[in-house]
Full PDB file with SEQRES, HELIX, SHEET, SSBOND, CRYST1, ORIGX, SCALE, CONECT and MASTER records, all heavy atoms in Angstrom:
SEQRES   1 A   30  ARG GLU THR GLY LYS ILE GLU LEU HIS PHE GLU LYS SER          
SEQRES   2 A   30  GLU TYR GLN GLU MET PRO GLU GLU GLN LYS ARG ILE LEU          
SEQRES   3 A   30  LYS SER ASN TYR                                              
HELIX    1 AA1 LYS A   12  GLU A   17  1                                   6    
HELIX    2 AA2 GLU A   20  ASN A   29  1                                  10    
CRYST1    1.000    1.000    1.000  90.00  90.00  90.00 P 1           1          
ORIGX1      1.000000  0.000000  0.000000        0.00000                         
ORIGX2      0.000000  1.000000  0.000000        0.00000                         
ORIGX3      0.000000  0.000000  1.000000        0.00000                         
SCALE1      1.000000  0.000000  0.000000        0.00000                         
SCALE2      0.000000  1.000000  0.000000        0.00000                         
SCALE3      0.000000  0.000000  1.000000        0.00000                         
ATOM      1  N   ARG A   1    -216.517 -47.941  45.314  1.00  0.00           N  
ATOM      2  CA  ARG A   1    -217.580 -48.895  45.535  1.00  0.00           C  
ATOM      3  C   ARG A   1    -217.652 -49.956  44.417  1.00  0.00           C  
ATOM      4  O   ARG A   1    -218.074 -51.083  44.672  1.00  0.00           O  
ATOM      5  CB  ARG A   1    -218.944 -48.232  45.660  1.00  0.00           C  
ATOM      6  CG  ARG A   1    -219.047 -47.448  46.959  1.00  0.00           C  
ATOM      7  CD  ARG A   1    -220.436 -46.839  47.027  1.00  0.00           C  
ATOM      8  NE  ARG A   1    -220.531 -45.890  48.205  1.00  0.00           N  
ATOM      9  CZ  ARG A   1    -221.190 -44.777  48.168  1.00  0.00           C  
ATOM     10  NH1 ARG A   1    -221.857 -44.359  47.061  1.00  0.00           N  
ATOM     11  NH2 ARG A   1    -221.229 -44.003  49.177  1.00  0.00           N  
ATOM     12  N   GLU A   2    -217.259 -49.624  43.185  1.00  0.00           N  
ATOM     13  CA  GLU A   2    -217.344 -50.563  42.087  1.00  0.00           C  
ATOM     14  C   GLU A   2    -216.379 -51.718  42.305  1.00  0.00           C  
ATOM     15  O   GLU A   2    -216.666 -52.869  42.054  1.00  0.00           O  
ATOM     16  CB  GLU A   2    -217.034 -49.884  40.765  1.00  0.00           C  
ATOM     17  CG  GLU A   2    -218.198 -49.012  40.384  1.00  0.00           C  
ATOM     18  CD  GLU A   2    -217.864 -48.339  38.956  1.00  0.00           C  
ATOM     19  OE1 GLU A   2    -217.024 -48.789  38.238  1.00  0.00           O  
ATOM     20  OE2 GLU A   2    -218.532 -47.318  38.674  1.00  0.00           O  
ATOM     21  N   THR A   3    -215.115 -51.371  42.753  1.00  0.00           N  
ATOM     22  CA  THR A   3    -214.115 -52.426  42.959  1.00  0.00           C  
ATOM     23  C   THR A   3    -214.101 -52.968  44.383  1.00  0.00           C  
ATOM     24  O   THR A   3    -213.598 -54.027  44.679  1.00  0.00           O  
ATOM     25  CB  THR A   3    -212.748 -51.897  42.603  1.00  0.00           C  
ATOM     26  OG1 THR A   3    -212.403 -50.852  43.447  1.00  0.00           O  
ATOM     27  CG2 THR A   3    -212.636 -51.519  41.216  1.00  0.00           C  
ATOM     28  N   GLY A   4    -214.633 -52.148  45.317  1.00  0.00           N  
ATOM     29  CA  GLY A   4    -214.641 -52.534  46.752  1.00  0.00           C  
ATOM     30  C   GLY A   4    -213.258 -52.321  47.354  1.00  0.00           C  
ATOM     31  O   GLY A   4    -212.965 -52.851  48.445  1.00  0.00           O  
ATOM     32  N   LYS A   5    -212.428 -51.498  46.793  1.00  0.00           N  
ATOM     33  CA  LYS A   5    -211.056 -51.268  47.226  1.00  0.00           C  
ATOM     34  C   LYS A   5    -210.790 -49.837  47.593  1.00  0.00           C  
ATOM     35  O   LYS A   5    -211.541 -48.949  47.181  1.00  0.00           O  
ATOM     36  CB  LYS A   5    -210.032 -51.711  46.197  1.00  0.00           C  
ATOM     37  CG  LYS A   5    -210.127 -53.227  45.931  1.00  0.00           C  
ATOM     38  CD  LYS A   5    -208.981 -53.741  45.019  1.00  0.00           C  
ATOM     39  CE  LYS A   5    -209.095 -55.194  44.881  1.00  0.00           C  
ATOM     40  NZ  LYS A   5    -207.836 -55.755  44.479  1.00  0.00           N  
ATOM     41  N   ILE A   6    -209.748 -49.576  48.379  1.00  0.00           N  
ATOM     42  CA  ILE A   6    -209.343 -48.227  48.758  1.00  0.00           C  
ATOM     43  C   ILE A   6    -208.298 -47.778  47.844  1.00  0.00           C  
ATOM     44  O   ILE A   6    -207.325 -48.543  47.538  1.00  0.00           O  
ATOM     45  CB  ILE A   6    -208.890 -48.171  50.243  1.00  0.00           C  
ATOM     46  CG1 ILE A   6    -210.070 -48.483  51.172  1.00  0.00           C  
ATOM     47  CG2 ILE A   6    -208.282 -46.828  50.528  1.00  0.00           C  
ATOM     48  CD1 ILE A   6    -209.675 -48.519  52.567  1.00  0.00           C  
ATOM     49  N   GLU A   7    -208.330 -46.479  47.413  1.00  0.00           N  
ATOM     50  CA  GLU A   7    -207.335 -45.899  46.546  1.00  0.00           C  
ATOM     51  C   GLU A   7    -206.656 -44.721  47.277  1.00  0.00           C  
ATOM     52  O   GLU A   7    -207.359 -43.933  47.904  1.00  0.00           O  
ATOM     53  CB  GLU A   7    -207.935 -45.434  45.253  1.00  0.00           C  
ATOM     54  CG  GLU A   7    -208.620 -46.454  44.398  1.00  0.00           C  
ATOM     55  CD  GLU A   7    -209.315 -45.921  43.184  1.00  0.00           C  
ATOM     56  OE1 GLU A   7    -209.238 -44.696  42.974  1.00  0.00           O  
ATOM     57  OE2 GLU A   7    -209.910 -46.770  42.478  1.00  0.00           O  
ATOM     58  N   LEU A   8    -205.359 -44.625  47.137  1.00  0.00           N  
ATOM     59  CA  LEU A   8    -204.585 -43.499  47.697  1.00  0.00           C  
ATOM     60  C   LEU A   8    -203.975 -42.785  46.481  1.00  0.00           C  
ATOM     61  O   LEU A   8    -203.165 -43.361  45.743  1.00  0.00           O  
ATOM     62  CB  LEU A   8    -203.479 -43.962  48.614  1.00  0.00           C  
ATOM     63  CG  LEU A   8    -203.875 -44.830  49.787  1.00  0.00           C  
ATOM     64  CD1 LEU A   8    -202.633 -45.274  50.605  1.00  0.00           C  
ATOM     65  CD2 LEU A   8    -204.905 -44.160  50.678  1.00  0.00           C  
ATOM     66  N   HIS A   9    -204.284 -41.502  46.334  1.00  0.00           N  
ATOM     67  CA  HIS A   9    -203.772 -40.697  45.235  1.00  0.00           C  
ATOM     68  C   HIS A   9    -202.746 -39.695  45.804  1.00  0.00           C  
ATOM     69  O   HIS A   9    -203.078 -38.866  46.624  1.00  0.00           O  
ATOM     70  CB  HIS A   9    -204.896 -39.977  44.530  1.00  0.00           C  
ATOM     71  CG  HIS A   9    -205.846 -40.827  43.830  1.00  0.00           C  
ATOM     72  ND1 HIS A   9    -205.694 -41.161  42.532  1.00  0.00           N  
ATOM     73  CD2 HIS A   9    -206.940 -41.534  44.299  1.00  0.00           C  
ATOM     74  CE1 HIS A   9    -206.724 -41.961  42.197  1.00  0.00           C  
ATOM     75  NE2 HIS A   9    -207.455 -42.168  43.229  1.00  0.00           N  
ATOM     76  N   PHE A  10    -201.474 -39.820  45.289  1.00  0.00           N  
ATOM     77  CA  PHE A  10    -200.490 -38.776  45.615  1.00  0.00           C  
ATOM     78  C   PHE A  10    -199.396 -38.880  44.583  1.00  0.00           C  
ATOM     79  O   PHE A  10    -199.319 -39.823  43.808  1.00  0.00           O  
ATOM     80  CB  PHE A  10    -199.966 -38.977  47.063  1.00  0.00           C  
ATOM     81  CG  PHE A  10    -199.417 -40.331  47.398  1.00  0.00           C  
ATOM     82  CD1 PHE A  10    -198.093 -40.618  47.182  1.00  0.00           C  
ATOM     83  CD2 PHE A  10    -200.250 -41.261  47.924  1.00  0.00           C  
ATOM     84  CE1 PHE A  10    -197.555 -41.871  47.490  1.00  0.00           C  
ATOM     85  CE2 PHE A  10    -199.788 -42.509  48.330  1.00  0.00           C  
ATOM     86  CZ  PHE A  10    -198.429 -42.856  48.048  1.00  0.00           C  
ATOM     87  N   GLU A  11    -198.584 -37.861  44.537  1.00  0.00           N  
ATOM     88  CA  GLU A  11    -197.552 -37.697  43.502  1.00  0.00           C  
ATOM     89  C   GLU A  11    -196.330 -38.622  43.773  1.00  0.00           C  
ATOM     90  O   GLU A  11    -196.063 -39.011  44.932  1.00  0.00           O  
ATOM     91  CB  GLU A  11    -197.014 -36.259  43.455  1.00  0.00           C  
ATOM     92  CG  GLU A  11    -198.074 -35.279  43.118  1.00  0.00           C  
ATOM     93  CD  GLU A  11    -198.586 -35.421  41.702  1.00  0.00           C  
ATOM     94  OE1 GLU A  11    -197.811 -35.710  40.804  1.00  0.00           O  
ATOM     95  OE2 GLU A  11    -199.822 -35.272  41.573  1.00  0.00           O  
ATOM     96  N   LYS A  12    -195.611 -38.941  42.710  1.00  0.00           N  
ATOM     97  CA  LYS A  12    -194.402 -39.771  42.874  1.00  0.00           C  
ATOM     98  C   LYS A  12    -193.365 -39.123  43.800  1.00  0.00           C  
ATOM     99  O   LYS A  12    -192.704 -39.798  44.530  1.00  0.00           O  
ATOM    100  CB  LYS A  12    -193.793 -40.080  41.500  1.00  0.00           C  
ATOM    101  CG  LYS A  12    -192.658 -41.033  41.542  1.00  0.00           C  
ATOM    102  CD  LYS A  12    -192.147 -41.339  40.159  1.00  0.00           C  
ATOM    103  CE  LYS A  12    -190.991 -42.339  40.204  1.00  0.00           C  
ATOM    104  NZ  LYS A  12    -190.534 -42.750  38.843  1.00  0.00           N  
ATOM    105  N   SER A  13    -193.293 -37.767  43.733  1.00  0.00           N  
ATOM    106  CA  SER A  13    -192.303 -37.085  44.574  1.00  0.00           C  
ATOM    107  C   SER A  13    -192.626 -37.246  46.066  1.00  0.00           C  
ATOM    108  O   SER A  13    -191.682 -37.411  46.872  1.00  0.00           O  
ATOM    109  CB  SER A  13    -192.268 -35.590  44.199  1.00  0.00           C  
ATOM    110  OG  SER A  13    -193.557 -35.065  44.382  1.00  0.00           O  
ATOM    111  N   GLU A  14    -193.907 -37.334  46.408  1.00  0.00           N  
ATOM    112  CA  GLU A  14    -194.333 -37.563  47.782  1.00  0.00           C  
ATOM    113  C   GLU A  14    -193.899 -38.956  48.195  1.00  0.00           C  
ATOM    114  O   GLU A  14    -193.477 -39.171  49.324  1.00  0.00           O  
ATOM    115  CB  GLU A  14    -195.850 -37.441  47.931  1.00  0.00           C  
ATOM    116  CG  GLU A  14    -196.378 -36.011  47.749  1.00  0.00           C  
ATOM    117  CD  GLU A  14    -197.867 -35.918  47.880  1.00  0.00           C  
ATOM    118  OE1 GLU A  14    -198.360 -36.068  49.013  1.00  0.00           O  
ATOM    119  OE2 GLU A  14    -198.498 -35.678  46.901  1.00  0.00           O  
ATOM    120  N   TYR A  15    -194.008 -39.912  47.312  1.00  0.00           N  
ATOM    121  CA  TYR A  15    -193.629 -41.313  47.608  1.00  0.00           C  
ATOM    122  C   TYR A  15    -192.133 -41.367  47.805  1.00  0.00           C  
ATOM    123  O   TYR A  15    -191.680 -41.966  48.816  1.00  0.00           O  
ATOM    124  CB  TYR A  15    -194.014 -42.228  46.479  1.00  0.00           C  
ATOM    125  CG  TYR A  15    -193.457 -43.639  46.661  1.00  0.00           C  
ATOM    126  CD1 TYR A  15    -193.992 -44.550  47.558  1.00  0.00           C  
ATOM    127  CD2 TYR A  15    -192.345 -44.044  45.915  1.00  0.00           C  
ATOM    128  CE1 TYR A  15    -193.466 -45.764  47.733  1.00  0.00           C  
ATOM    129  CE2 TYR A  15    -191.789 -45.303  46.064  1.00  0.00           C  
ATOM    130  CZ  TYR A  15    -192.373 -46.137  46.954  1.00  0.00           C  
ATOM    131  OH  TYR A  15    -191.805 -47.406  47.143  1.00  0.00           O  
ATOM    132  N   GLN A  16    -191.373 -40.695  46.977  1.00  0.00           N  
ATOM    133  CA  GLN A  16    -189.946 -40.719  47.113  1.00  0.00           C  
ATOM    134  C   GLN A  16    -189.431 -40.063  48.420  1.00  0.00           C  
ATOM    135  O   GLN A  16    -188.373 -40.410  48.910  1.00  0.00           O  
ATOM    136  CB  GLN A  16    -189.265 -40.088  45.897  1.00  0.00           C  
ATOM    137  CG  GLN A  16    -189.502 -40.909  44.666  1.00  0.00           C  
ATOM    138  CD  GLN A  16    -188.987 -40.182  43.407  1.00  0.00           C  
ATOM    139  OE1 GLN A  16    -188.958 -38.950  43.313  1.00  0.00           O  
ATOM    140  NE2 GLN A  16    -188.717 -40.968  42.352  1.00  0.00           N  
ATOM    141  N   GLU A  17    -190.202 -39.066  48.952  1.00  0.00           N  
ATOM    142  CA  GLU A  17    -189.806 -38.428  50.164  1.00  0.00           C  
ATOM    143  C   GLU A  17    -190.189 -39.177  51.446  1.00  0.00           C  
ATOM    144  O   GLU A  17    -189.755 -38.869  52.525  1.00  0.00           O  
ATOM    145  CB  GLU A  17    -190.490 -37.011  50.154  1.00  0.00           C  
ATOM    146  CG  GLU A  17    -189.932 -36.078  49.153  1.00  0.00           C  
ATOM    147  CD  GLU A  17    -190.753 -34.792  49.069  1.00  0.00           C  
ATOM    148  OE1 GLU A  17    -191.727 -34.668  49.860  1.00  0.00           O  
ATOM    149  OE2 GLU A  17    -190.405 -33.957  48.216  1.00  0.00           O  
ATOM    150  N   MET A  18    -191.000 -40.234  51.240  1.00  0.00           N  
ATOM    151  CA  MET A  18    -191.401 -40.996  52.433  1.00  0.00           C  
ATOM    152  C   MET A  18    -190.220 -41.751  53.078  1.00  0.00           C  
ATOM    153  O   MET A  18    -189.321 -42.254  52.358  1.00  0.00           O  
ATOM    154  CB  MET A  18    -192.468 -42.122  51.988  1.00  0.00           C  
ATOM    155  CG  MET A  18    -193.802 -41.684  51.794  1.00  0.00           C  
ATOM    156  SD  MET A  18    -194.836 -43.146  51.436  1.00  0.00           S  
ATOM    157  CE  MET A  18    -196.337 -42.372  51.035  1.00  0.00           C  
ATOM    158  N   PRO A  19    -190.238 -41.877  54.376  1.00  0.00           N  
ATOM    159  CA  PRO A  19    -189.292 -42.711  55.052  1.00  0.00           C  
ATOM    160  C   PRO A  19    -189.520 -44.187  54.729  1.00  0.00           C  
ATOM    161  O   PRO A  19    -190.604 -44.624  54.275  1.00  0.00           O  
ATOM    162  CB  PRO A  19    -189.542 -42.518  56.563  1.00  0.00           C  
ATOM    163  CG  PRO A  19    -190.558 -41.390  56.673  1.00  0.00           C  
ATOM    164  CD  PRO A  19    -191.159 -41.159  55.313  1.00  0.00           C  
ATOM    165  N   GLU A  20    -188.460 -45.021  54.835  1.00  0.00           N  
ATOM    166  CA  GLU A  20    -188.568 -46.396  54.473  1.00  0.00           C  
ATOM    167  C   GLU A  20    -189.637 -47.130  55.247  1.00  0.00           C  
ATOM    168  O   GLU A  20    -190.288 -48.053  54.681  1.00  0.00           O  
ATOM    169  CB  GLU A  20    -187.174 -47.114  54.696  1.00  0.00           C  
ATOM    170  CG  GLU A  20    -186.142 -46.698  53.704  1.00  0.00           C  
ATOM    171  CD  GLU A  20    -186.510 -46.961  52.256  1.00  0.00           C  
ATOM    172  OE1 GLU A  20    -187.074 -48.092  52.007  1.00  0.00           O  
ATOM    173  OE2 GLU A  20    -186.302 -46.149  51.393  1.00  0.00           O  
ATOM    174  N   GLU A  21    -189.871 -46.770  56.494  1.00  0.00           N  
ATOM    175  CA  GLU A  21    -190.912 -47.471  57.296  1.00  0.00           C  
ATOM    176  C   GLU A  21    -192.316 -47.227  56.647  1.00  0.00           C  
ATOM    177  O   GLU A  21    -193.085 -48.179  56.578  1.00  0.00           O  
ATOM    178  CB  GLU A  21    -190.846 -46.988  58.703  1.00  0.00           C  
ATOM    179  CG  GLU A  21    -191.957 -47.598  59.592  1.00  0.00           C  
ATOM    180  CD  GLU A  21    -191.752 -49.094  59.819  1.00  0.00           C  
ATOM    181  OE1 GLU A  21    -190.682 -49.662  59.611  1.00  0.00           O  
ATOM    182  OE2 GLU A  21    -192.809 -49.702  60.137  1.00  0.00           O  
ATOM    183  N   GLN A  22    -192.615 -46.038  56.231  1.00  0.00           N  
ATOM    184  CA  GLN A  22    -193.878 -45.705  55.584  1.00  0.00           C  
ATOM    185  C   GLN A  22    -194.001 -46.450  54.265  1.00  0.00           C  
ATOM    186  O   GLN A  22    -195.053 -46.931  53.901  1.00  0.00           O  
ATOM    187  CB  GLN A  22    -194.041 -44.233  55.426  1.00  0.00           C  
ATOM    188  CG  GLN A  22    -194.403 -43.528  56.706  1.00  0.00           C  
ATOM    189  CD  GLN A  22    -194.761 -42.056  56.515  1.00  0.00           C  
ATOM    190  OE1 GLN A  22    -194.392 -41.516  55.457  1.00  0.00           O  
ATOM    191  NE2 GLN A  22    -195.465 -41.459  57.462  1.00  0.00           N  
ATOM    192  N   LYS A  23    -192.848 -46.505  53.511  1.00  0.00           N  
ATOM    193  CA  LYS A  23    -192.943 -47.218  52.222  1.00  0.00           C  
ATOM    194  C   LYS A  23    -193.260 -48.681  52.473  1.00  0.00           C  
ATOM    195  O   LYS A  23    -194.012 -49.333  51.769  1.00  0.00           O  
ATOM    196  CB  LYS A  23    -191.591 -47.124  51.496  1.00  0.00           C  
ATOM    197  CG  LYS A  23    -191.329 -45.731  50.896  1.00  0.00           C  
ATOM    198  CD  LYS A  23    -190.039 -45.714  50.165  1.00  0.00           C  
ATOM    199  CE  LYS A  23    -189.769 -44.334  49.581  1.00  0.00           C  
ATOM    200  NZ  LYS A  23    -188.437 -44.227  48.910  1.00  0.00           N  
ATOM    201  N   ARG A  24    -192.663 -49.315  53.534  1.00  0.00           N  
ATOM    202  CA  ARG A  24    -192.932 -50.708  53.841  1.00  0.00           C  
ATOM    203  C   ARG A  24    -194.424 -50.903  54.183  1.00  0.00           C  
ATOM    204  O   ARG A  24    -195.058 -51.852  53.703  1.00  0.00           O  
ATOM    205  CB  ARG A  24    -192.038 -51.118  55.029  1.00  0.00           C  
ATOM    206  CG  ARG A  24    -192.141 -52.602  55.319  1.00  0.00           C  
ATOM    207  CD  ARG A  24    -191.342 -52.989  56.609  1.00  0.00           C  
ATOM    208  NE  ARG A  24    -191.901 -52.361  57.768  1.00  0.00           N  
ATOM    209  CZ  ARG A  24    -193.052 -52.664  58.371  1.00  0.00           C  
ATOM    210  NH1 ARG A  24    -193.769 -53.679  57.910  1.00  0.00           N  
ATOM    211  NH2 ARG A  24    -193.481 -52.062  59.468  1.00  0.00           N  
ATOM    212  N   ILE A  25    -195.020 -50.020  54.996  1.00  0.00           N  
ATOM    213  CA  ILE A  25    -196.400 -50.109  55.314  1.00  0.00           C  
ATOM    214  C   ILE A  25    -197.241 -49.991  54.080  1.00  0.00           C  
ATOM    215  O   ILE A  25    -198.179 -50.736  53.953  1.00  0.00           O  
ATOM    216  CB  ILE A  25    -196.784 -48.967  56.343  1.00  0.00           C  
ATOM    217  CG1 ILE A  25    -196.120 -49.257  57.728  1.00  0.00           C  
ATOM    218  CG2 ILE A  25    -198.288 -48.878  56.515  1.00  0.00           C  
ATOM    219  CD1 ILE A  25    -196.207 -48.122  58.669  1.00  0.00           C  
ATOM    220  N   LEU A  26    -196.935 -49.052  53.220  1.00  0.00           N  
ATOM    221  CA  LEU A  26    -197.704 -48.851  51.958  1.00  0.00           C  
ATOM    222  C   LEU A  26    -197.596 -50.088  51.045  1.00  0.00           C  
ATOM    223  O   LEU A  26    -198.649 -50.584  50.637  1.00  0.00           O  
ATOM    224  CB  LEU A  26    -197.133 -47.626  51.222  1.00  0.00           C  
ATOM    225  CG  LEU A  26    -197.793 -47.310  49.886  1.00  0.00           C  
ATOM    226  CD1 LEU A  26    -199.196 -46.776  50.105  1.00  0.00           C  
ATOM    227  CD2 LEU A  26    -196.960 -46.226  49.119  1.00  0.00           C  
ATOM    228  N   LYS A  27    -196.446 -50.602  50.872  1.00  0.00           N  
ATOM    229  CA  LYS A  27    -196.270 -51.768  49.971  1.00  0.00           C  
ATOM    230  C   LYS A  27    -196.931 -53.060  50.539  1.00  0.00           C  
ATOM    231  O   LYS A  27    -197.264 -53.955  49.787  1.00  0.00           O  
ATOM    232  CB  LYS A  27    -194.838 -52.026  49.682  1.00  0.00           C  
ATOM    233  CG  LYS A  27    -194.211 -50.939  48.767  1.00  0.00           C  
ATOM    234  CD  LYS A  27    -192.731 -51.228  48.553  1.00  0.00           C  
ATOM    235  CE  LYS A  27    -192.089 -50.096  47.756  1.00  0.00           C  
ATOM    236  NZ  LYS A  27    -190.689 -50.383  47.530  1.00  0.00           N  
ATOM    237  N   SER A  28    -197.037 -53.133  51.871  1.00  0.00           N  
ATOM    238  CA  SER A  28    -197.575 -54.327  52.463  1.00  0.00           C  
ATOM    239  C   SER A  28    -199.104 -54.373  52.292  1.00  0.00           C  
ATOM    240  O   SER A  28    -199.732 -55.403  52.371  1.00  0.00           O  
ATOM    241  CB  SER A  28    -197.181 -54.521  53.896  1.00  0.00           C  
ATOM    242  OG  SER A  28    -197.766 -53.520  54.692  1.00  0.00           O  
ATOM    243  N   ASN A  29    -199.756 -53.183  52.141  1.00  0.00           N  
ATOM    244  CA  ASN A  29    -201.207 -53.143  52.056  1.00  0.00           C  
ATOM    245  C   ASN A  29    -201.751 -52.690  50.751  1.00  0.00           C  
ATOM    246  O   ASN A  29    -202.924 -52.757  50.501  1.00  0.00           O  
ATOM    247  CB  ASN A  29    -201.700 -52.162  53.164  1.00  0.00           C  
ATOM    248  CG  ASN A  29    -201.552 -52.680  54.529  1.00  0.00           C  
ATOM    249  OD1 ASN A  29    -202.228 -53.620  54.924  1.00  0.00           O  
ATOM    250  ND2 ASN A  29    -200.585 -52.243  55.262  1.00  0.00           N  
ATOM    251  N   TYR A  30    -200.854 -52.092  49.873  1.00  0.00           N  
ATOM    252  CA  TYR A  30    -201.405 -51.519  48.565  1.00  0.00           C  
ATOM    253  C   TYR A  30    -200.460 -51.936  47.448  1.00  0.00           C  
ATOM    254  O   TYR A  30    -199.304 -52.193  47.630  1.00  0.00           O  
ATOM    255  CB  TYR A  30    -201.383 -50.001  48.686  1.00  0.00           C  
ATOM    256  CG  TYR A  30    -202.367 -49.455  49.705  1.00  0.00           C  
ATOM    257  CD1 TYR A  30    -202.059 -49.315  51.021  1.00  0.00           C  
ATOM    258  CD2 TYR A  30    -203.599 -49.102  49.241  1.00  0.00           C  
ATOM    259  CE1 TYR A  30    -203.018 -48.837  51.915  1.00  0.00           C  
ATOM    260  CE2 TYR A  30    -204.602 -48.623  50.102  1.00  0.00           C  
ATOM    261  CZ  TYR A  30    -204.265 -48.508  51.457  1.00  0.00           C  
ATOM    262  OH  TYR A  30    -205.216 -48.038  52.351  1.00  0.00           O  
TER     263      TYR A  30                                                      
MASTER        0    0    0    2    0    0    0    6  262    1    0    3          
END                                                                             
């Protein structure tokens, strides 16, 4: 609420296991 933004918390290993399509969605919005 202080920044008015959404935060997603997860480990780097989870990010590395993501398919490229999900990484594209993540990087386009976050």
